[in-house]
Amino acid sequence: MSTRSSHNDPLYDTIEQTAVQVGRFGLGLLRLPLGLLPAQSRMHMERALYELSHGFASLPGDFARIAEQEINHWANEPSALPPTRHPEPEQHLTVIITPEALASSSPSPAGQADGEPVEEDIAELLTEEVAGSITEIERLVAEPPNVSITYIEYDPPGSDLEGEFVVITNQSHEPVDLTGWTLVDEGSQRTYTFPAFTLAGGAEVKVWTKAGIDDAYNVYWGSRQPIWNNTTDSAVLRDANGNLISRYTYAAGTS
């Protein structure tokens, strides 16, 4: 146990009281922000303050013994140090971040103007665009374009070469790109390939056997002889990928 020398000097007593009050006040100030820390961190910080105070108390002479006795007294107060605890086992929190959660919770970058797209927004727009394109492709595969051969003028008055034509009709309301599509005469296996051409919704185009200048409603095979037999024949329309779109068969003398 530490002992204190007896003094009757009023100046010494004043110094003693002042040192004690200054030490208590300083320790109190240092401990004020510790209440904001977690218990484990607060315990470590208060022990560090205790060691620092204890070092201060090791000053030589009666002053050091007075300060040491007071510091030991403060350290044993109920509020000075929390009871010693065994460290609690660490708890691990597993967080699974999905793309949806990331997109909805990511803060806007500093300086980003309201309404201005960020990388996550652009990625989301691109994903929606790709998904829409895939859906459209699937729809086209499941539902071929509503385009068909609706009529063949195989035995026109006068010259067959000059009067022959095939009518192809777009029965949908949407335009259809016929570029690369083929019209084949199954009898003689002669083929016409469409140039860059779009058939408007609800419109029809005539494919003439003869040569001529293409327009929005007429295209020209450019053959030097008739193509369609005057008795019976079949025409086949395929898209640019070779998928069968329409077949038209006729026989002379039948309705």
C-alpha atoms as a PDB file:
ATOM      1  CA  MET A   1       0.000   0.000   0.000  1.00  0.00           C
ATOM      2  CA  SER A   2       1.316   3.449  -0.895  1.00  0.00           C
ATOM      3  CA  THR A   3       1.976   5.834   1.975  1.00  0.00           C
ATOM      4  CA  ARG A   4       1.773   9.584   2.032  1.00  0.00           C
ATOM      5  CA  SER A   5       4.270  11.811   3.891  1.00  0.00           C
ATOM      6  CA  SER A   6       2.814  14.098   6.494  1.00  0.00           C
ATOM      7  CA  HIS A   7       3.152  17.793   5.783  1.00  0.00           C
ATOM      8  CA  ASN A   8       1.829  20.812   7.586  1.00  0.00           C
ATOM      9  CA  ASP A   9       2.789  23.184   4.821  1.00  0.00           C
ATOM     10  CA  PRO A  10      -0.366  24.919   3.423  1.00  0.00           C
ATOM     11  CA  LEU A  11       1.392  25.479   0.087  1.00  0.00           C
ATOM     12  CA  TYR A  12       2.126  21.757  -0.245  1.00  0.00           C
ATOM     13  CA  ASP A  13      -1.486  20.933   0.576  1.00  0.00           C
ATOM     14  CA  THR A  14      -2.665  23.390  -2.073  1.00  0.00           C
ATOM     15  CA  ILE A  15      -0.356  21.851  -4.667  1.00  0.00           C
ATOM     16  CA  GLU A  16      -1.544  18.380  -3.682  1.00  0.00           C
ATOM     17  CA  GLN A  17      -5.227  19.265  -4.060  1.00  0.00           C
ATOM     18  CA  THR A  18      -4.604  21.076  -7.339  1.00  0.00           C
ATOM     19  CA  ALA A  19      -2.682  18.127  -8.824  1.00  0.00           C
ATOM     20  CA  VAL A  20      -5.414  15.707  -7.838  1.00  0.00           C
ATOM     21  CA  GLN A  21      -8.170  17.902  -9.320  1.00  0.00           C
ATOM     22  CA  VAL A  22      -6.220  18.494 -12.547  1.00  0.00           C
ATOM     23  CA  GLY A  23      -5.561  14.779 -12.949  1.00  0.00           C
ATOM     24  CA  ARG A  24      -9.226  13.860 -12.325  1.00  0.00           C
ATOM     25  CA  PHE A  25     -10.447  16.560 -14.707  1.00  0.00           C
ATOM     26  CA  GLY A  26      -8.013  15.466 -17.446  1.00  0.00           C
ATOM     27  CA  LEU A  27      -8.971  11.814 -17.140  1.00  0.00           C
ATOM     28  CA  GLY A  28     -12.639  12.738 -17.220  1.00  0.00           C
ATOM     29  CA  LEU A  29     -12.177  14.736 -20.432  1.00  0.00           C
ATOM     30  CA  LEU A  30     -10.332  11.876 -22.098  1.00  0.00           C
ATOM     31  CA  ARG A  31     -13.102   9.420 -21.184  1.00  0.00           C
ATOM     32  CA  LEU A  32     -15.968  11.551 -22.517  1.00  0.00           C
ATOM     33  CA  PRO A  33     -15.896  10.305 -26.161  1.00  0.00           C
ATOM     34  CA  LEU A  34     -15.370   6.672 -25.119  1.00  0.00           C
ATOM     35  CA  GLY A  35     -19.090   6.230 -24.572  1.00  0.00           C
ATOM     36  CA  LEU A  36     -19.556   6.379 -28.331  1.00  0.00           C
ATOM     37  CA  LEU A  37     -17.322   3.349 -28.931  1.00  0.00           C
ATOM     38  CA  PRO A  38     -18.314  -0.361 -28.850  1.00  0.00           C
ATOM     39  CA  ALA A  39     -17.773  -2.065 -25.503  1.00  0.00           C
ATOM     40  CA  GLN A  40     -14.661  -3.965 -26.612  1.00  0.00           C
ATOM     41  CA  SER A  41     -12.967  -0.870 -28.042  1.00  0.00           C
ATOM     42  CA  ARG A  42     -14.009   1.241 -25.059  1.00  0.00           C
ATOM     43  CA  MET A  43     -12.397  -1.278 -22.683  1.00  0.00           C
ATOM     44  CA  HIS A  44      -9.088  -1.158 -24.601  1.00  0.00           C
ATOM     45  CA  MET A  45      -9.082   2.646 -24.695  1.00  0.00           C
ATOM     46  CA  GLU A  46      -9.837   2.964 -20.981  1.00  0.00           C
ATOM     47  CA  ARG A  47      -7.056   0.541 -20.152  1.00  0.00           C
ATOM     48  CA  ALA A  48      -4.703   2.654 -22.275  1.00  0.00           C
ATOM     49  CA  LEU A  49      -5.794   5.761 -20.368  1.00  0.00           C
ATOM     50  CA  TYR A  50      -5.213   3.909 -17.127  1.00  0.00           C
ATOM     51  CA  GLU A  51      -1.678   2.958 -18.188  1.00  0.00           C
ATOM     52  CA  LEU A  52      -1.003   6.530 -19.292  1.00  0.00           C
ATOM     53  CA  SER A  53      -2.235   7.846 -15.968  1.00  0.00           C
ATOM     54  CA  HIS A  54      -0.199   5.245 -14.160  1.00  0.00           C
ATOM     55  CA  GLY A  55       2.906   6.415 -16.006  1.00  0.00           C
ATOM     56  CA  PHE A  56       2.116   9.949 -14.922  1.00  0.00           C
ATOM     57  CA  ALA A  57       1.850   8.624 -11.389  1.00  0.00           C
ATOM     58  CA  SER A  58       5.391   7.243 -11.472  1.00  0.00           C
ATOM     59  CA  LEU A  59       6.827  10.752 -11.139  1.00  0.00           C
ATOM     60  CA  PRO A  60       9.324  10.954  -8.290  1.00  0.00           C
ATOM     61  CA  GLY A  61       8.601  12.166  -4.813  1.00  0.00           C
ATOM     62  CA  ASP A  62       5.578  12.601  -2.619  1.00  0.00           C
ATOM     63  CA  PHE A  63       3.633  14.198  -5.509  1.00  0.00           C
ATOM     64  CA  ALA A  64       3.894  10.960  -7.503  1.00  0.00           C
ATOM     65  CA  ARG A  65       2.695   8.857  -4.551  1.00  0.00           C
ATOM     66  CA  ILE A  66      -0.267  11.187  -4.024  1.00  0.00           C
ATOM     67  CA  ALA A  67      -1.219  11.021  -7.700  1.00  0.00           C
ATOM     68  CA  GLU A  68      -0.733   7.218  -7.828  1.00  0.00           C
ATOM     69  CA  GLN A  69      -2.996   6.677  -4.845  1.00  0.00           C
ATOM     70  CA  GLU A  70      -5.725   8.837  -6.377  1.00  0.00           C
ATOM     71  CA  ILE A  71      -5.434   7.147  -9.781  1.00  0.00           C
ATOM     72  CA  ASN A  72      -5.729   3.704  -8.222  1.00  0.00           C
ATOM     73  CA  HIS A  73      -8.821   4.949  -6.416  1.00  0.00           C
ATOM     74  CA  TRP A  74     -10.362   6.236  -9.673  1.00  0.00           C
ATOM     75  CA  ALA A  75      -9.499   3.007 -11.482  1.00  0.00           C
ATOM     76  CA  ASN A  76     -11.392   0.967  -8.872  1.00  0.00           C
ATOM     77  CA  GLU A  77     -14.546   3.031  -9.171  1.00  0.00           C
ATOM     78  CA  PRO A  78     -17.441   1.030 -10.730  1.00  0.00           C
ATOM     79  CA  SER A  79     -17.670   3.314 -13.756  1.00  0.00           C
ATOM     80  CA  ALA A  80     -13.942   3.452 -14.426  1.00  0.00           C
ATOM     81  CA  LEU A  81     -13.321   0.092 -16.083  1.00  0.00           C
ATOM     82  CA  PRO A  82     -15.815  -2.453 -17.321  1.00  0.00           C
ATOM     83  CA  PRO A  83     -15.524  -5.961 -15.875  1.00  0.00           C
ATOM     84  CA  THR A  84     -13.036  -8.156 -17.670  1.00  0.00           C
ATOM     85  CA  ARG A  85     -14.739 -10.244 -20.309  1.00  0.00           C
ATOM     86  CA  HIS A  86     -13.584 -12.965 -22.568  1.00  0.00           C
ATOM     87  CA  PRO A  87     -13.658 -11.754 -26.147  1.00  0.00           C
ATOM     88  CA  GLU A  88     -16.886 -12.691 -27.801  1.00  0.00           C
ATOM     89  CA  PRO A  89     -16.525 -14.964 -30.823  1.00  0.00           C
ATOM     90  CA  GLU A  90     -16.549 -13.076 -34.086  1.00  0.00           C
ATOM     91  CA  GLN A  91     -19.814 -13.189 -35.963  1.00  0.00           C
ATOM     92  CA  HIS A  92     -19.640 -13.293 -39.716  1.00  0.00           C
ATOM     93  CA  LEU A  93     -22.451 -11.762 -41.712  1.00  0.00           C
ATOM     94  CA  THR A  94     -22.915 -13.094 -45.225  1.00  0.00           C
ATOM     95  CA  VAL A  95     -24.480 -10.608 -47.618  1.00  0.00           C
ATOM     96  CA  ILE A  96     -25.577 -11.704 -51.068  1.00  0.00           C
ATOM     97  CA  ILE A  97     -25.822  -8.801 -53.500  1.00  0.00           C
ATOM     98  CA  THR A  98     -27.964  -9.451 -56.551  1.00  0.00           C
ATOM     99  CA  PRO A  99     -27.782  -7.264 -59.692  1.00  0.00           C
ATOM    100  CA  GLU A 100     -31.260  -5.943 -58.856  1.00  0.00           C
ATOM    101  CA  ALA A 101     -30.230  -4.929 -55.332  1.00  0.00           C
ATOM    102  CA  LEU A 102     -27.032  -3.371 -56.634  1.00  0.00           C
ATOM    103  CA  ALA A 103     -28.888  -1.318 -59.220  1.00  0.00           C
ATOM    104  CA  SER A 104     -31.477  -0.110 -56.706  1.00  0.00           C
ATOM    105  CA  SER A 105     -29.095   0.656 -53.824  1.00  0.00           C
ATOM    106  CA  SER A 106     -26.054   2.126 -55.565  1.00  0.00           C
ATOM    107  CA  PRO A 107     -25.740   5.840 -54.744  1.00  0.00           C
ATOM    108  CA  SER A 108     -25.239   8.334 -57.511  1.00  0.00           C
ATOM    109  CA  PRO A 109     -21.597   9.345 -58.034  1.00  0.00           C
ATOM    110  CA  ALA A 110     -20.521  12.670 -56.619  1.00  0.00           C
ATOM    111  CA  GLY A 111     -21.422  15.483 -58.950  1.00  0.00           C
ATOM    112  CA  GLN A 112     -23.877  13.334 -60.938  1.00  0.00           C
ATOM    113  CA  ALA A 113     -26.787  15.434 -62.079  1.00  0.00           C
ATOM    114  CA  ASP A 114     -30.288  14.227 -61.289  1.00  0.00           C
ATOM    115  CA  GLY A 115     -31.789  12.253 -64.141  1.00  0.00           C
ATOM    116  CA  GLU A 116     -28.440  11.713 -65.844  1.00  0.00           C
ATOM    117  CA  PRO A 117     -27.773   7.997 -66.540  1.00  0.00           C
ATOM    118  CA  VAL A 118     -24.970   6.284 -64.641  1.00  0.00           C
ATOM    119  CA  GLU A 119     -23.165   3.068 -65.553  1.00  0.00           C
ATOM    120  CA  GLU A 120     -25.742   0.857 -63.779  1.00  0.00           C
ATOM    121  CA  ASP A 121     -28.597   2.628 -65.611  1.00  0.00           C
ATOM    122  CA  ILE A 122     -26.849   2.236 -68.972  1.00  0.00           C
ATOM    123  CA  ALA A 123     -26.198  -1.445 -68.262  1.00  0.00           C
ATOM    124  CA  GLU A 124     -29.848  -1.919 -67.353  1.00  0.00           C
ATOM    125  CA  LEU A 125     -31.000  -0.163 -70.539  1.00  0.00           C
ATOM    126  CA  LEU A 126     -28.678  -2.314 -72.652  1.00  0.00           C
ATOM    127  CA  THR A 127     -29.976  -5.459 -70.911  1.00  0.00           C
ATOM    128  CA  GLU A 128     -33.570  -4.449 -71.631  1.00  0.00           C
ATOM    129  CA  GLU A 129     -32.650  -3.686 -75.260  1.00  0.00           C
ATOM    130  CA  VAL A 130     -31.013  -7.097 -75.723  1.00  0.00           C
ATOM    131  CA  ALA A 131     -33.932  -8.827 -74.007  1.00  0.00           C
ATOM    132  CA  GLY A 132     -36.354  -7.003 -76.299  1.00  0.00           C
ATOM    133  CA  SER A 133     -34.376  -8.044 -79.382  1.00  0.00           C
ATOM    134  CA  ILE A 134     -34.330 -11.671 -78.248  1.00  0.00           C
ATOM    135  CA  THR A 135     -38.073 -11.565 -77.624  1.00  0.00           C
ATOM    136  CA  GLU A 136     -38.651 -10.155 -81.100  1.00  0.00           C
ATOM    137  CA  ILE A 137     -36.501 -12.871 -82.670  1.00  0.00           C
ATOM    138  CA  GLU A 138     -38.377 -15.551 -80.740  1.00  0.00           C
ATOM    139  CA  ARG A 139     -41.677 -14.049 -81.892  1.00  0.00           C
ATOM    140  CA  LEU A 140     -40.575 -14.071 -85.513  1.00  0.00           C
ATOM    141  CA  VAL A 141     -39.431 -17.684 -85.242  1.00  0.00           C
ATOM    142  CA  ALA A 142     -42.674 -18.741 -83.585  1.00  0.00           C
ATOM    143  CA  GLU A 143     -44.831 -16.650 -85.928  1.00  0.00           C
ATOM    144  CA  PRO A 144     -43.443 -16.359 -89.489  1.00  0.00           C
ATOM    145  CA  PRO A 145     -44.185 -13.061 -91.241  1.00  0.00           C
ATOM    146  CA  ASN A 146     -47.716 -12.949 -92.605  1.00  0.00           C
ATOM    147  CA  VAL A 147     -46.467 -12.758 -96.188  1.00  0.00           C
ATOM    148  CA  SER A 148     -47.715 -15.094 -98.901  1.00  0.00           C
ATOM    149  CA  ILE A 149     -48.047 -15.701-102.615  1.00  0.00           C
ATOM    150  CA  THR A 150     -51.645 -14.744-103.406  1.00  0.00           C
ATOM    151  CA  TYR A 151     -51.815 -14.930-107.214  1.00  0.00           C
ATOM    152  CA  ILE A 152     -49.872 -16.007-110.320  1.00  0.00           C
ATOM    153  CA  GLU A 153     -50.693 -14.694-113.793  1.00  0.00           C
ATOM    154  CA  TYR A 154     -49.286 -17.743-115.604  1.00  0.00           C
ATOM    155  CA  ASP A 155     -51.221 -17.504-118.938  1.00  0.00           C
ATOM    156  CA  PRO A 156     -51.768 -13.819-119.689  1.00  0.00           C
ATOM    157  CA  PRO A 157     -53.314 -12.500-122.927  1.00  0.00           C
ATOM    158  CA  GLY A 158     -50.665 -11.907-125.558  1.00  0.00           C
ATOM    159  CA  SER A 159     -47.031 -12.597-124.827  1.00  0.00           C
ATOM    160  CA  ASP A 160     -46.435 -14.813-121.787  1.00  0.00           C
ATOM    161  CA  LEU A 161     -43.037 -13.196-121.210  1.00  0.00           C
ATOM    162  CA  GLU A 162     -44.507  -9.716-121.146  1.00  0.00           C
ATOM    163  CA  GLY A 163     -47.612 -10.541-119.111  1.00  0.00           C
ATOM    164  CA  GLU A 164     -46.469 -13.092-116.471  1.00  0.00           C
ATOM    165  CA  PHE A 165     -46.221 -11.977-112.841  1.00  0.00           C
ATOM    166  CA  VAL A 166     -46.549 -13.286-109.302  1.00  0.00           C
ATOM    167  CA  VAL A 167     -48.331 -11.305-106.566  1.00  0.00           C
ATOM    168  CA  ILE A 168     -46.802 -11.387-103.062  1.00  0.00           C
ATOM    169  CA  THR A 169     -48.912  -9.807-100.315  1.00  0.00           C
ATOM    170  CA  ASN A 170     -47.998  -8.581 -96.812  1.00  0.00           C
ATOM    171  CA  GLN A 171     -51.171  -9.272 -94.851  1.00  0.00           C
ATOM    172  CA  SER A 172     -49.825  -7.772 -91.619  1.00  0.00           C
ATOM    173  CA  HIS A 173     -49.785  -4.130 -90.539  1.00  0.00           C
ATOM    174  CA  GLU A 174     -45.991  -4.075 -90.146  1.00  0.00           C
ATOM    175  CA  PRO A 175     -43.448  -3.664 -92.973  1.00  0.00           C
ATOM    176  CA  VAL A 176     -41.422  -6.752 -93.847  1.00  0.00           C
ATOM    177  CA  ASP A 177     -37.862  -6.700 -95.170  1.00  0.00           C
ATOM    178  CA  LEU A 178     -37.762  -9.025 -98.196  1.00  0.00           C
ATOM    179  CA  THR A 179     -34.065  -8.478 -98.888  1.00  0.00           C
ATOM    180  CA  GLY A 180     -32.471 -11.821 -99.778  1.00  0.00           C
ATOM    181  CA  TRP A 181     -35.807 -13.670-100.010  1.00  0.00           C
ATOM    182  CA  THR A 182     -36.211 -16.075-102.920  1.00  0.00           C
ATOM    183  CA  LEU A 183     -39.076 -16.955-105.249  1.00  0.00           C
ATOM    184  CA  VAL A 184     -38.546 -20.370-106.852  1.00  0.00           C
ATOM    185  CA  ASP A 185     -40.320 -22.065-109.770  1.00  0.00           C
ATOM    186  CA  GLU A 186     -40.545 -25.643-108.489  1.00  0.00           C
ATOM    187  CA  GLY A 187     -41.054 -27.004-112.018  1.00  0.00           C
ATOM    188  CA  SER A 188     -37.813 -25.780-113.555  1.00  0.00           C
ATOM    189  CA  GLN A 189     -36.000 -24.717-110.358  1.00  0.00           C
ATOM    190  CA  ARG A 190     -35.413 -21.182-111.561  1.00  0.00           C
ATOM    191  CA  THR A 191     -34.889 -18.682-108.725  1.00  0.00           C
ATOM    192  CA  TYR A 192     -35.475 -14.966-108.274  1.00  0.00           C
ATOM    193  CA  THR A 193     -33.681 -13.305-105.318  1.00  0.00           C
ATOM    194  CA  PHE A 194     -35.084 -10.078-103.920  1.00  0.00           C
ATOM    195  CA  PRO A 195     -32.698  -7.091-103.844  1.00  0.00           C
ATOM    196  CA  ALA A 196     -32.889  -4.597-100.964  1.00  0.00           C
ATOM    197  CA  PHE A 197     -36.655  -4.299-100.692  1.00  0.00           C
ATOM    198  CA  THR A 198     -39.210  -3.615 -97.937  1.00  0.00           C
ATOM    199  CA  LEU A 199     -42.844  -4.550 -98.420  1.00  0.00           C
ATOM    200  CA  ALA A 200     -45.097  -2.136 -96.530  1.00  0.00           C
ATOM    201  CA  GLY A 201     -47.831  -3.372 -94.215  1.00  0.00           C
ATOM    202  CA  GLY A 202     -50.983  -4.335 -96.129  1.00  0.00           C
ATOM    203  CA  ALA A 203     -49.232  -3.831 -99.470  1.00  0.00           C
ATOM    204  CA  GLU A 204     -48.426  -6.173-102.356  1.00  0.00           C
ATOM    205  CA  VAL A 205     -45.618  -6.428-104.878  1.00  0.00           C
ATOM    206  CA  LYS A 206     -45.687  -7.947-108.367  1.00  0.00           C
ATOM    207  CA  VAL A 207     -42.707 -10.025-109.442  1.00  0.00           C
ATOM    208  CA  TRP A 208     -42.686  -9.688-113.230  1.00  0.00           C
ATOM    209  CA  THR A 209     -40.999 -12.324-115.398  1.00  0.00           C
ATOM    210  CA  LYS A 210     -39.679  -9.727-117.857  1.00  0.00           C
ATOM    211  CA  ALA A 211     -36.949  -7.114-117.360  1.00  0.00           C
ATOM    212  CA  GLY A 212     -37.754  -3.672-116.009  1.00  0.00           C
ATOM    213  CA  ILE A 213     -36.969  -1.053-113.366  1.00  0.00           C
ATOM    214  CA  ASP A 214     -37.944  -1.918-109.789  1.00  0.00           C
ATOM    215  CA  ASP A 215     -40.167   0.354-107.715  1.00  0.00           C
ATOM    216  CA  ALA A 216     -42.154   0.077-104.468  1.00  0.00           C
ATOM    217  CA  TYR A 217     -44.820  -2.146-106.084  1.00  0.00           C
ATOM    218  CA  ASN A 218     -43.020  -3.928-108.915  1.00  0.00           C
ATOM    219  CA  VAL A 219     -39.805  -5.913-109.205  1.00  0.00           C
ATOM    220  CA  TYR A 220     -38.475  -7.654-112.309  1.00  0.00           C
ATOM    221  CA  TRP A 221     -37.033 -11.149-112.718  1.00  0.00           C
ATOM    222  CA  GLY A 222     -35.203 -10.178-115.916  1.00  0.00           C
ATOM    223  CA  SER A 223     -35.847 -13.503-117.652  1.00  0.00           C
ATOM    224  CA  ARG A 224     -35.677 -13.774-121.452  1.00  0.00           C
ATOM    225  CA  GLN A 225     -38.327 -16.511-121.583  1.00  0.00           C
ATOM    226  CA  PRO A 226     -41.575 -17.358-119.767  1.00  0.00           C
ATOM    227  CA  ILE A 227     -41.222 -19.068-116.394  1.00  0.00           C
ATOM    228  CA  TRP A 228     -44.651 -20.287-115.321  1.00  0.00           C
ATOM    229  CA  ASN A 229     -46.197 -23.277-117.112  1.00  0.00           C
ATOM    230  CA  ASN A 230     -49.638 -22.792-118.640  1.00  0.00           C
ATOM    231  CA  THR A 231     -50.924 -26.115-117.298  1.00  0.00           C
ATOM    232  CA  THR A 232     -49.717 -26.597-113.716  1.00  0.00           C
ATOM    233  CA  ASP A 233     -46.849 -25.341-111.607  1.00  0.00           C
ATOM    234  CA  SER A 234     -45.873 -24.343-108.062  1.00  0.00           C
ATOM    235  CA  ALA A 235     -44.125 -21.274-106.680  1.00  0.00           C
ATOM    236  CA  VAL A 236     -42.228 -21.327-103.389  1.00  0.00           C
ATOM    237  CA  LEU A 237     -41.312 -18.260-101.300  1.00  0.00           C
ATOM    238  CA  ARG A 238     -38.493 -18.546 -98.750  1.00  0.00           C
ATOM    239  CA  ASP A 239     -36.951 -15.970 -96.448  1.00  0.00           C
ATOM    240  CA  ALA A 240     -33.274 -15.002 -96.392  1.00  0.00           C
ATOM    241  CA  ASN A 241     -32.501 -17.934 -94.055  1.00  0.00           C
ATOM    242  CA  GLY A 242     -34.155 -20.464 -96.367  1.00  0.00           C
ATOM    243  CA  ASN A 243     -37.269 -20.905 -94.222  1.00  0.00           C
ATOM    244  CA  LEU A 244     -40.429 -21.771 -96.144  1.00  0.00           C
ATOM    245  CA  ILE A 245     -42.833 -18.825 -96.043  1.00  0.00           C
ATOM    246  CA  SER A 246     -45.427 -19.666 -98.700  1.00  0.00           C
ATOM    247  CA  ARG A 247     -46.216 -22.185-101.462  1.00  0.00           C
ATOM    248  CA  TYR A 248     -48.706 -21.547-104.268  1.00  0.00           C
ATOM    249  CA  THR A 249     -49.809 -24.309-106.643  1.00  0.00           C
ATOM    250  CA  TYR A 250     -52.130 -23.909-109.587  1.00  0.00           C
ATOM    251  CA  ALA A 251     -53.603 -26.138-112.296  1.00  0.00           C
ATOM    252  CA  ALA A 252     -55.197 -24.965-115.515  1.00  0.00           C
ATOM    253  CA  GLY A 253     -58.962 -25.372-115.663  1.00  0.00           C
ATOM    254  CA  THR A 254     -59.431 -25.507-111.855  1.00  0.00           C
ATOM    255  CA  SER A 255     -60.817 -22.763-109.700  1.00  0.00           C
END
